[in-house]
Amino acid sequence: KAVNPTNIMGATKRSCELIIESMN
């Protein structure tokens, strides 16, 4: 659901991916 998200849940999970990539 993080791929091309159409809802808040998917958008928050994509945000989590961005946070993890940044922290790495």
mmCIF file of all heavy atoms, coordinates in Angstrom:
data_MODEL
# 
_entry.id   MODEL 
# 
loop_
_atom_site.group_PDB 
_atom_site.id 
_atom_site.type_symbol 
_atom_site.label_atom_id 
_atom_site.label_alt_id 
_atom_site.label_comp_id 
_atom_site.label_asym_id 
_atom_site.label_entity_id 
_atom_site.label_seq_id 
_atom_site.pdbx_PDB_ins_code 
_atom_site.Cartn_x 
_atom_site.Cartn_y 
_atom_site.Cartn_z 
_atom_site.occupancy 
_atom_site.B_iso_or_equiv 
_atom_site.pdbx_formal_charge 
_atom_site.auth_seq_id 
_atom_site.auth_comp_id 
_atom_site.auth_asym_id 
_atom_site.auth_atom_id 
_atom_site.pdbx_PDB_model_num 
ATOM 1   N N   . LYS A 1 1  ? 0.818  -1.221 0.000  1.00 0.00 ? 1  LYS A N   1 
ATOM 2   C CA  . LYS A 1 1  ? 0.000  0.000  0.000  1.00 0.00 ? 1  LYS A CA  1 
ATOM 3   C C   . LYS A 1 1  ? 0.851  1.269  0.000  1.00 0.00 ? 1  LYS A C   1 
ATOM 4   O O   . LYS A 1 1  ? 0.338  2.370  -0.200 1.00 0.00 ? 1  LYS A O   1 
ATOM 5   C CB  . LYS A 1 1  ? -0.951 -0.013 1.194  1.00 0.00 ? 1  LYS A CB  1 
ATOM 6   C CG  . LYS A 1 1  ? -2.018 -1.098 1.102  1.00 0.00 ? 1  LYS A CG  1 
ATOM 7   C CD  . LYS A 1 1  ? -2.875 -1.160 2.352  1.00 0.00 ? 1  LYS A CD  1 
ATOM 8   C CE  . LYS A 1 1  ? -3.960 -2.221 2.220  1.00 0.00 ? 1  LYS A CE  1 
ATOM 9   N NZ  . LYS A 1 1  ? -3.433 -3.586 2.091  1.00 0.00 ? 1  LYS A NZ  1 
ATOM 10  N N   . ALA A 1 2  ? 2.169  1.118  0.219  1.00 0.00 ? 2  ALA A N   1 
ATOM 11  C CA  . ALA A 1 2  ? 3.072  2.271  0.164  1.00 0.00 ? 2  ALA A CA  1 
ATOM 12  C C   . ALA A 1 2  ? 3.396  2.665  -1.270 1.00 0.00 ? 2  ALA A C   1 
ATOM 13  O O   . ALA A 1 2  ? 3.944  3.735  -1.514 1.00 0.00 ? 2  ALA A O   1 
ATOM 14  C CB  . ALA A 1 2  ? 4.373  1.950  0.911  1.00 0.00 ? 2  ALA A CB  1 
ATOM 15  N N   . VAL A 1 3  ? 3.069  1.798  -2.224 1.00 0.00 ? 3  VAL A N   1 
ATOM 16  C CA  . VAL A 1 3  ? 3.333  2.088  -3.636 1.00 0.00 ? 3  VAL A CA  1 
ATOM 17  C C   . VAL A 1 3  ? 2.198  2.920  -4.197 1.00 0.00 ? 3  VAL A C   1 
ATOM 18  O O   . VAL A 1 3  ? 1.035  2.513  -4.164 1.00 0.00 ? 3  VAL A O   1 
ATOM 19  C CB  . VAL A 1 3  ? 3.455  0.777  -4.443 1.00 0.00 ? 3  VAL A CB  1 
ATOM 20  C CG1 . VAL A 1 3  ? 3.851  1.087  -5.877 1.00 0.00 ? 3  VAL A CG1 1 
ATOM 21  C CG2 . VAL A 1 3  ? 4.458  -0.158 -3.808 1.00 0.00 ? 3  VAL A CG2 1 
ATOM 22  N N   . ASN A 1 4  ? 2.531  4.112  -4.701 1.00 0.00 ? 4  ASN A N   1 
ATOM 23  C CA  . ASN A 1 4  ? 1.503  5.014  -5.235 1.00 0.00 ? 4  ASN A CA  1 
ATOM 24  C C   . ASN A 1 4  ? 0.284  5.041  -4.301 1.00 0.00 ? 4  ASN A C   1 
ATOM 25  O O   . ASN A 1 4  ? -0.829 4.692  -4.702 1.00 0.00 ? 4  ASN A O   1 
ATOM 26  C CB  . ASN A 1 4  ? 1.078  4.574  -6.638 1.00 0.00 ? 4  ASN A CB  1 
ATOM 27  C CG  . ASN A 1 4  ? 2.239  4.589  -7.607 1.00 0.00 ? 4  ASN A CG  1 
ATOM 28  O OD1 . ASN A 1 4  ? 3.067  5.488  -7.590 1.00 0.00 ? 4  ASN A OD1 1 
ATOM 29  N ND2 . ASN A 1 4  ? 2.309  3.582  -8.464 1.00 0.00 ? 4  ASN A ND2 1 
ATOM 30  N N   . PRO A 1 5  ? 0.467  5.440  -3.045 1.00 0.00 ? 5  PRO A N   1 
ATOM 31  C CA  . PRO A 1 5  ? -0.608 5.315  -2.055 1.00 0.00 ? 5  PRO A CA  1 
ATOM 32  C C   . PRO A 1 5  ? -1.858 6.103  -2.422 1.00 0.00 ? 5  PRO A C   1 
ATOM 33  O O   . PRO A 1 5  ? -1.787 7.196  -2.987 1.00 0.00 ? 5  PRO A O   1 
ATOM 34  C CB  . PRO A 1 5  ? 0.028  5.873  -0.772 1.00 0.00 ? 5  PRO A CB  1 
ATOM 35  C CG  . PRO A 1 5  ? 1.193  6.682  -1.221 1.00 0.00 ? 5  PRO A CG  1 
ATOM 36  C CD  . PRO A 1 5  ? 1.681  6.059  -2.474 1.00 0.00 ? 5  PRO A CD  1 
ATOM 37  N N   . THR A 1 6  ? -3.004 5.500  -2.085 1.00 0.00 ? 6  THR A N   1 
ATOM 38  C CA  . THR A 1 6  ? -4.293 6.160  -2.323 1.00 0.00 ? 6  THR A CA  1 
ATOM 39  C C   . THR A 1 6  ? -5.008 6.462  -1.015 1.00 0.00 ? 6  THR A C   1 
ATOM 40  O O   . THR A 1 6  ? -6.156 6.905  -1.024 1.00 0.00 ? 6  THR A O   1 
ATOM 41  C CB  . THR A 1 6  ? -5.196 5.273  -3.201 1.00 0.00 ? 6  THR A CB  1 
ATOM 42  O OG1 . THR A 1 6  ? -5.333 3.988  -2.578 1.00 0.00 ? 6  THR A OG1 1 
ATOM 43  C CG2 . THR A 1 6  ? -4.628 5.100  -4.595 1.00 0.00 ? 6  THR A CG2 1 
ATOM 44  N N   . ASN A 1 7  ? -4.338 6.203  0.109  1.00 0.00 ? 7  ASN A N   1 
ATOM 45  C CA  . ASN A 1 7  ? -4.947 6.499  1.407  1.00 0.00 ? 7  ASN A CA  1 
ATOM 46  C C   . ASN A 1 7  ? -3.859 6.865  2.417  1.00 0.00 ? 7  ASN A C   1 
ATOM 47  O O   . ASN A 1 7  ? -2.672 6.702  2.145  1.00 0.00 ? 7  ASN A O   1 
ATOM 48  C CB  . ASN A 1 7  ? -5.780 5.307  1.900  1.00 0.00 ? 7  ASN A CB  1 
ATOM 49  C CG  . ASN A 1 7  ? -4.983 4.018  1.915  1.00 0.00 ? 7  ASN A CG  1 
ATOM 50  O OD1 . ASN A 1 7  ? -3.873 3.975  2.440  1.00 0.00 ? 7  ASN A OD1 1 
ATOM 51  N ND2 . ASN A 1 7  ? -5.529 2.961  1.337  1.00 0.00 ? 7  ASN A ND2 1 
ATOM 52  N N   . ILE A 1 8  ? -4.307 7.367  3.567  1.00 0.00 ? 8  ILE A N   1 
ATOM 53  C CA  . ILE A 1 8  ? -3.378 7.821  4.604  1.00 0.00 ? 8  ILE A CA  1 
ATOM 54  C C   . ILE A 1 8  ? -2.482 6.682  5.091  1.00 0.00 ? 8  ILE A C   1 
ATOM 55  O O   . ILE A 1 8  ? -1.285 6.856  5.315  1.00 0.00 ? 8  ILE A O   1 
ATOM 56  C CB  . ILE A 1 8  ? -4.150 8.435  5.794  1.00 0.00 ? 8  ILE A CB  1 
ATOM 57  C CG1 . ILE A 1 8  ? -4.617 9.850  5.440  1.00 0.00 ? 8  ILE A CG1 1 
ATOM 58  C CG2 . ILE A 1 8  ? -3.290 8.488  7.046  1.00 0.00 ? 8  ILE A CG2 1 
ATOM 59  C CD1 . ILE A 1 8  ? -3.531 10.902 5.452  1.00 0.00 ? 8  ILE A CD1 1 
ATOM 60  N N   . MET A 1 9  ? -3.072 5.492  5.271  1.00 0.00 ? 9  MET A N   1 
ATOM 61  C CA  . MET A 1 9  ? -2.275 4.365  5.764  1.00 0.00 ? 9  MET A CA  1 
ATOM 62  C C   . MET A 1 9  ? -1.088 4.120  4.844  1.00 0.00 ? 9  MET A C   1 
ATOM 63  O O   . MET A 1 9  ? 0.059  4.019  5.299  1.00 0.00 ? 9  MET A O   1 
ATOM 64  C CB  . MET A 1 9  ? -3.153 3.111  5.867  1.00 0.00 ? 9  MET A CB  1 
ATOM 65  C CG  . MET A 1 9  ? -2.450 1.916  6.509  1.00 0.00 ? 9  MET A CG  1 
ATOM 66  S SD  . MET A 1 9  ? -1.480 0.950  5.339  1.00 0.00 ? 9  MET A SD  1 
ATOM 67  C CE  . MET A 1 9  ? -1.208 -0.529 6.261  1.00 0.00 ? 9  MET A CE  1 
ATOM 68  N N   . GLY A 1 10 ? -1.344 4.006  3.537  1.00 0.00 ? 10 GLY A N   1 
ATOM 69  C CA  . GLY A 1 10 ? -0.266 3.769  2.586  1.00 0.00 ? 10 GLY A CA  1 
ATOM 70  C C   . GLY A 1 10 ? 0.738  4.910  2.561  1.00 0.00 ? 10 GLY A C   1 
ATOM 71  O O   . GLY A 1 10 ? 1.951  4.686  2.475  1.00 0.00 ? 10 GLY A O   1 
ATOM 72  N N   . ALA A 1 11 ? 0.241  6.140  2.663  1.00 0.00 ? 11 ALA A N   1 
ATOM 73  C CA  . ALA A 1 11 ? 1.119  7.310  2.633  1.00 0.00 ? 11 ALA A CA  1 
ATOM 74  C C   . ALA A 1 11 ? 2.029  7.343  3.869  1.00 0.00 ? 11 ALA A C   1 
ATOM 75  O O   . ALA A 1 11 ? 3.205  7.706  3.783  1.00 0.00 ? 11 ALA A O   1 
ATOM 76  C CB  . ALA A 1 11 ? 0.298  8.591  2.548  1.00 0.00 ? 11 ALA A CB  1 
ATOM 77  N N   . THR A 1 12 ? 1.482  6.953  5.035  1.00 0.00 ? 12 THR A N   1 
ATOM 78  C CA  . THR A 1 12 ? 2.324  6.938  6.237  1.00 0.00 ? 12 THR A CA  1 
ATOM 79  C C   . THR A 1 12 ? 3.396  5.862  6.130  1.00 0.00 ? 12 THR A C   1 
ATOM 80  O O   . THR A 1 12 ? 4.526  6.052  6.580  1.00 0.00 ? 12 THR A O   1 
ATOM 81  C CB  . THR A 1 12 ? 1.507  6.716  7.524  1.00 0.00 ? 12 THR A CB  1 
ATOM 82  O OG1 . THR A 1 12 ? 0.808  5.472  7.465  1.00 0.00 ? 12 THR A OG1 1 
ATOM 83  C CG2 . THR A 1 12 ? 0.523  7.847  7.753  1.00 0.00 ? 12 THR A CG2 1 
ATOM 84  N N   . LYS A 1 13 ? 3.059  4.727  5.530  1.00 0.00 ? 13 LYS A N   1 
ATOM 85  C CA  . LYS A 1 13 ? 4.058  3.663  5.386  1.00 0.00 ? 13 LYS A CA  1 
ATOM 86  C C   . LYS A 1 13 ? 5.147  4.068  4.393  1.00 0.00 ? 13 LYS A C   1 
ATOM 87  O O   . LYS A 1 13 ? 6.317  3.743  4.578  1.00 0.00 ? 13 LYS A O   1 
ATOM 88  C CB  . LYS A 1 13 ? 3.379  2.352  4.950  1.00 0.00 ? 13 LYS A CB  1 
ATOM 89  C CG  . LYS A 1 13 ? 2.479  1.755  6.018  1.00 0.00 ? 13 LYS A CG  1 
ATOM 90  C CD  . LYS A 1 13 ? 3.227  1.378  7.289  1.00 0.00 ? 13 LYS A CD  1 
ATOM 91  C CE  . LYS A 1 13 ? 3.932  0.055  7.164  1.00 0.00 ? 13 LYS A CE  1 
ATOM 92  N NZ  . LYS A 1 13 ? 4.528  -0.394 8.452  1.00 0.00 ? 13 LYS A NZ  1 
ATOM 93  N N   . ARG A 1 14 ? 4.780  4.787  3.337  1.00 0.00 ? 14 ARG A N   1 
ATOM 94  C CA  . ARG A 1 14 ? 5.804  5.302  2.424  1.00 0.00 ? 14 ARG A CA  1 
ATOM 95  C C   . ARG A 1 14 ? 6.685  6.316  3.156  1.00 0.00 ? 14 ARG A C   1 
ATOM 96  O O   . ARG A 1 14 ? 7.910  6.350  2.956  1.00 0.00 ? 14 ARG A O   1 
ATOM 97  C CB  . ARG A 1 14 ? 5.152  5.938  1.193  1.00 0.00 ? 14 ARG A CB  1 
ATOM 98  C CG  . ARG A 1 14 ? 6.144  6.543  0.207  1.00 0.00 ? 14 ARG A CG  1 
ATOM 99  C CD  . ARG A 1 14 ? 7.139  5.526  -0.310 1.00 0.00 ? 14 ARG A CD  1 
ATOM 100 N NE  . ARG A 1 14 ? 8.181  6.130  -1.150 1.00 0.00 ? 14 ARG A NE  1 
ATOM 101 C CZ  . ARG A 1 14 ? 9.424  5.701  -1.224 1.00 0.00 ? 14 ARG A CZ  1 
ATOM 102 N NH1 . ARG A 1 14 ? 9.810  4.648  -0.518 1.00 0.00 ? 14 ARG A NH1 1 
ATOM 103 N NH2 . ARG A 1 14 ? 10.298 6.303  -2.007 1.00 0.00 ? 14 ARG A NH2 1 
ATOM 104 N N   . SER A 1 15 ? 6.084  7.119  4.028  1.00 0.00 ? 15 SER A N   1 
ATOM 105 C CA  . SER A 1 15 ? 6.860  8.066  4.832  1.00 0.00 ? 15 SER A CA  1 
ATOM 106 C C   . SER A 1 15 ? 7.852  7.327  5.722  1.00 0.00 ? 15 SER A C   1 
ATOM 107 O O   . SER A 1 15 ? 9.006  7.758  5.878  1.00 0.00 ? 15 SER A O   1 
ATOM 108 C CB  . SER A 1 15 ? 5.927  8.912  5.708  1.00 0.00 ? 15 SER A CB  1 
ATOM 109 O OG  . SER A 1 15 ? 5.009  9.638  4.921  1.00 0.00 ? 15 SER A OG  1 
ATOM 110 N N   . CYS A 1 16 ? 7.416  6.202  6.297  1.00 0.00 ? 16 CYS A N   1 
ATOM 111 C CA  . CYS A 1 16 ? 8.311  5.391  7.127  1.00 0.00 ? 16 CYS A CA  1 
ATOM 112 C C   . CYS A 1 16 ? 9.493  4.898  6.305  1.00 0.00 ? 16 CYS A C   1 
ATOM 113 O O   . CYS A 1 16 ? 10.635 4.884  6.790  1.00 0.00 ? 16 CYS A O   1 
ATOM 114 C CB  . CYS A 1 16 ? 7.563  4.198  7.709  1.00 0.00 ? 16 CYS A CB  1 
ATOM 115 S SG  . CYS A 1 16 ? 6.279  4.631  8.888  1.00 0.00 ? 16 CYS A SG  1 
ATOM 116 N N   . GLU A 1 17 ? 9.245  4.489  5.066  1.00 0.00 ? 17 GLU A N   1 
ATOM 117 C CA  . GLU A 1 17 ? 10.327 4.048  4.191  1.00 0.00 ? 17 GLU A CA  1 
ATOM 118 C C   . GLU A 1 17 ? 11.334 5.171  3.968  1.00 0.00 ? 17 GLU A C   1 
ATOM 119 O O   . GLU A 1 17 ? 12.548 4.958  3.987  1.00 0.00 ? 17 GLU A O   1 
ATOM 120 C CB  . GLU A 1 17 ? 9.763  3.572  2.853  1.00 0.00 ? 17 GLU A CB  1 
ATOM 121 C CG  . GLU A 1 17 ? 8.917  2.308  2.954  1.00 0.00 ? 17 GLU A CG  1 
ATOM 122 C CD  . GLU A 1 17 ? 8.344  1.860  1.619  1.00 0.00 ? 17 GLU A CD  1 
ATOM 123 O OE1 . GLU A 1 17 ? 8.514  2.599  0.612  1.00 0.00 ? 17 GLU A OE1 1 
ATOM 124 O OE2 . GLU A 1 17 ? 7.727  0.790  1.560  1.00 0.00 ? 17 GLU A OE2 1 
ATOM 125 N N   . LEU A 1 18 ? 10.826 6.387  3.752  1.00 0.00 ? 18 LEU A N   1 
ATOM 126 C CA  . LEU A 1 18 ? 11.708 7.539  3.534  1.00 0.00 ? 18 LEU A CA  1 
ATOM 127 C C   . LEU A 1 18 ? 12.546 7.821  4.781  1.00 0.00 ? 18 LEU A C   1 
ATOM 128 O O   . LEU A 1 18 ? 13.736 8.148  4.679  1.00 0.00 ? 18 LEU A O   1 
ATOM 129 C CB  . LEU A 1 18 ? 10.874 8.772  3.169  1.00 0.00 ? 18 LEU A CB  1 
ATOM 130 C CG  . LEU A 1 18 ? 10.086 8.702  1.859  1.00 0.00 ? 18 LEU A CG  1 
ATOM 131 C CD1 . LEU A 1 18 ? 9.213  9.939  1.695  1.00 0.00 ? 18 LEU A CD1 1 
ATOM 132 C CD2 . LEU A 1 18 ? 11.013 8.546  0.666  1.00 0.00 ? 18 LEU A CD2 1 
ATOM 133 N N   . ILE A 1 19 ? 11.919 7.703  5.954  1.00 0.00 ? 19 ILE A N   1 
ATOM 134 C CA  . ILE A 1 19 ? 12.641 7.928  7.210  1.00 0.00 ? 19 ILE A CA  1 
ATOM 135 C C   . ILE A 1 19 ? 13.772 6.912  7.368  1.00 0.00 ? 19 ILE A C   1 
ATOM 136 O O   . ILE A 1 19 ? 14.904 7.268  7.722  1.00 0.00 ? 19 ILE A O   1 
ATOM 137 C CB  . ILE A 1 19 ? 11.669 7.847  8.412  1.00 0.00 ? 19 ILE A CB  1 
ATOM 138 C CG1 . ILE A 1 19 ? 10.740 9.069  8.417  1.00 0.00 ? 19 ILE A CG1 1 
ATOM 139 C CG2 . ILE A 1 19 ? 12.419 7.737  9.734  1.00 0.00 ? 19 ILE A CG2 1 
ATOM 140 C CD1 . ILE A 1 19 ? 9.567  8.955  9.375  1.00 0.00 ? 19 ILE A CD1 1 
ATOM 141 N N   . ILE A 1 20 ? 13.472 5.653  7.085  1.00 0.00 ? 20 ILE A N   1 
ATOM 142 C CA  . ILE A 1 20 ? 14.467 4.588  7.223  1.00 0.00 ? 20 ILE A CA  1 
ATOM 143 C C   . ILE A 1 20 ? 15.619 4.786  6.234  1.00 0.00 ? 20 ILE A C   1 
ATOM 144 O O   . ILE A 1 20 ? 16.796 4.625  6.586  1.00 0.00 ? 20 ILE A O   1 
ATOM 145 C CB  . ILE A 1 20 ? 13.798 3.212  7.024  1.00 0.00 ? 20 ILE A CB  1 
ATOM 146 C CG1 . ILE A 1 20 ? 12.872 2.896  8.199  1.00 0.00 ? 20 ILE A CG1 1 
ATOM 147 C CG2 . ILE A 1 20 ? 14.831 2.106  6.848  1.00 0.00 ? 20 ILE A CG2 1 
ATOM 148 C CD1 . ILE A 1 20 ? 13.531 2.973  9.560  1.00 0.00 ? 20 ILE A CD1 1 
ATOM 149 N N   . GLU A 1 21 ? 15.289 5.145  5.004  1.00 0.00 ? 21 GLU A N   1 
ATOM 150 C CA  . GLU A 1 21 ? 16.336 5.388  4.003  1.00 0.00 ? 21 GLU A CA  1 
ATOM 151 C C   . GLU A 1 21 ? 17.230 6.541  4.439  1.00 0.00 ? 21 GLU A C   1 
ATOM 152 O O   . GLU A 1 21 ? 18.452 6.507  4.269  1.00 0.00 ? 21 GLU A O   1 
ATOM 153 C CB  . GLU A 1 21 ? 15.697 5.697  2.641  1.00 0.00 ? 21 GLU A CB  1 
ATOM 154 C CG  . GLU A 1 21 ? 14.953 4.535  2.012  1.00 0.00 ? 21 GLU A CG  1 
ATOM 155 C CD  . GLU A 1 21 ? 15.861 3.391  1.610  1.00 0.00 ? 21 GLU A CD  1 
ATOM 156 O OE1 . GLU A 1 21 ? 17.024 3.642  1.279  1.00 0.00 ? 21 GLU A OE1 1 
ATOM 157 O OE2 . GLU A 1 21 ? 15.403 2.230  1.639  1.00 0.00 ? 21 GLU A OE2 1 
ATOM 158 N N   . SER A 1 22 ? 16.626 7.578  5.018  1.00 0.00 ? 22 SER A N   1 
ATOM 159 C CA  . SER A 1 22 ? 17.386 8.732  5.477  1.00 0.00 ? 22 SER A CA  1 
ATOM 160 C C   . SER A 1 22 ? 18.293 8.359  6.652  1.00 0.00 ? 22 SER A C   1 
ATOM 161 O O   . SER A 1 22 ? 19.461 8.759  6.705  1.00 0.00 ? 22 SER A O   1 
ATOM 162 C CB  . SER A 1 22 ? 16.422 9.851  5.891  1.00 0.00 ? 22 SER A CB  1 
ATOM 163 O OG  . SER A 1 22 ? 17.108 10.909 6.503  1.00 0.00 ? 22 SER A OG  1 
ATOM 164 N N   . MET A 1 23 ? 17.758 7.589  7.601  1.00 0.00 ? 23 MET A N   1 
ATOM 165 C CA  . MET A 1 23 ? 18.546 7.199  8.778  1.00 0.00 ? 23 MET A CA  1 
ATOM 166 C C   . MET A 1 23 ? 19.728 6.321  8.399  1.00 0.00 ? 23 MET A C   1 
ATOM 167 O O   . MET A 1 23 ? 20.788 6.377  9.032  1.00 0.00 ? 23 MET A O   1 
ATOM 168 C CB  . MET A 1 23 ? 17.649 6.478  9.791  1.00 0.00 ? 23 MET A CB  1 
ATOM 169 C CG  . MET A 1 23 ? 16.706 7.402  10.524 1.00 0.00 ? 23 MET A CG  1 
ATOM 170 S SD  . MET A 1 23 ? 15.815 6.579  11.853 1.00 0.00 ? 23 MET A SD  1 
ATOM 171 C CE  . MET A 1 23 ? 15.139 8.022  12.713 1.00 0.00 ? 23 MET A CE  1 
ATOM 172 N N   . ASN A 1 24 ? 19.551 5.502  7.379  1.00 0.00 ? 24 ASN A N   1 
ATOM 173 C CA  . ASN A 1 24 ? 20.632 4.602  6.980  1.00 0.00 ? 24 ASN A CA  1 
ATOM 174 C C   . ASN A 1 24 ? 21.866 5.372  6.517  1.00 0.00 ? 24 ASN A C   1 
ATOM 175 O O   . ASN A 1 24 ? 22.993 4.892  6.639  1.00 0.00 ? 24 ASN A O   1 
ATOM 176 C CB  . ASN A 1 24 ? 20.151 3.664  5.866  1.00 0.00 ? 24 ASN A CB  1 
ATOM 177 C CG  . ASN A 1 24 ? 21.184 2.623  5.517  1.00 0.00 ? 24 ASN A CG  1 
ATOM 178 O OD1 . ASN A 1 24 ? 21.468 1.728  6.300  1.00 0.00 ? 24 ASN A OD1 1 
ATOM 179 N ND2 . ASN A 1 24 ? 21.778 2.756  4.331  1.00 0.00 ? 24 ASN A ND2 1 
# 
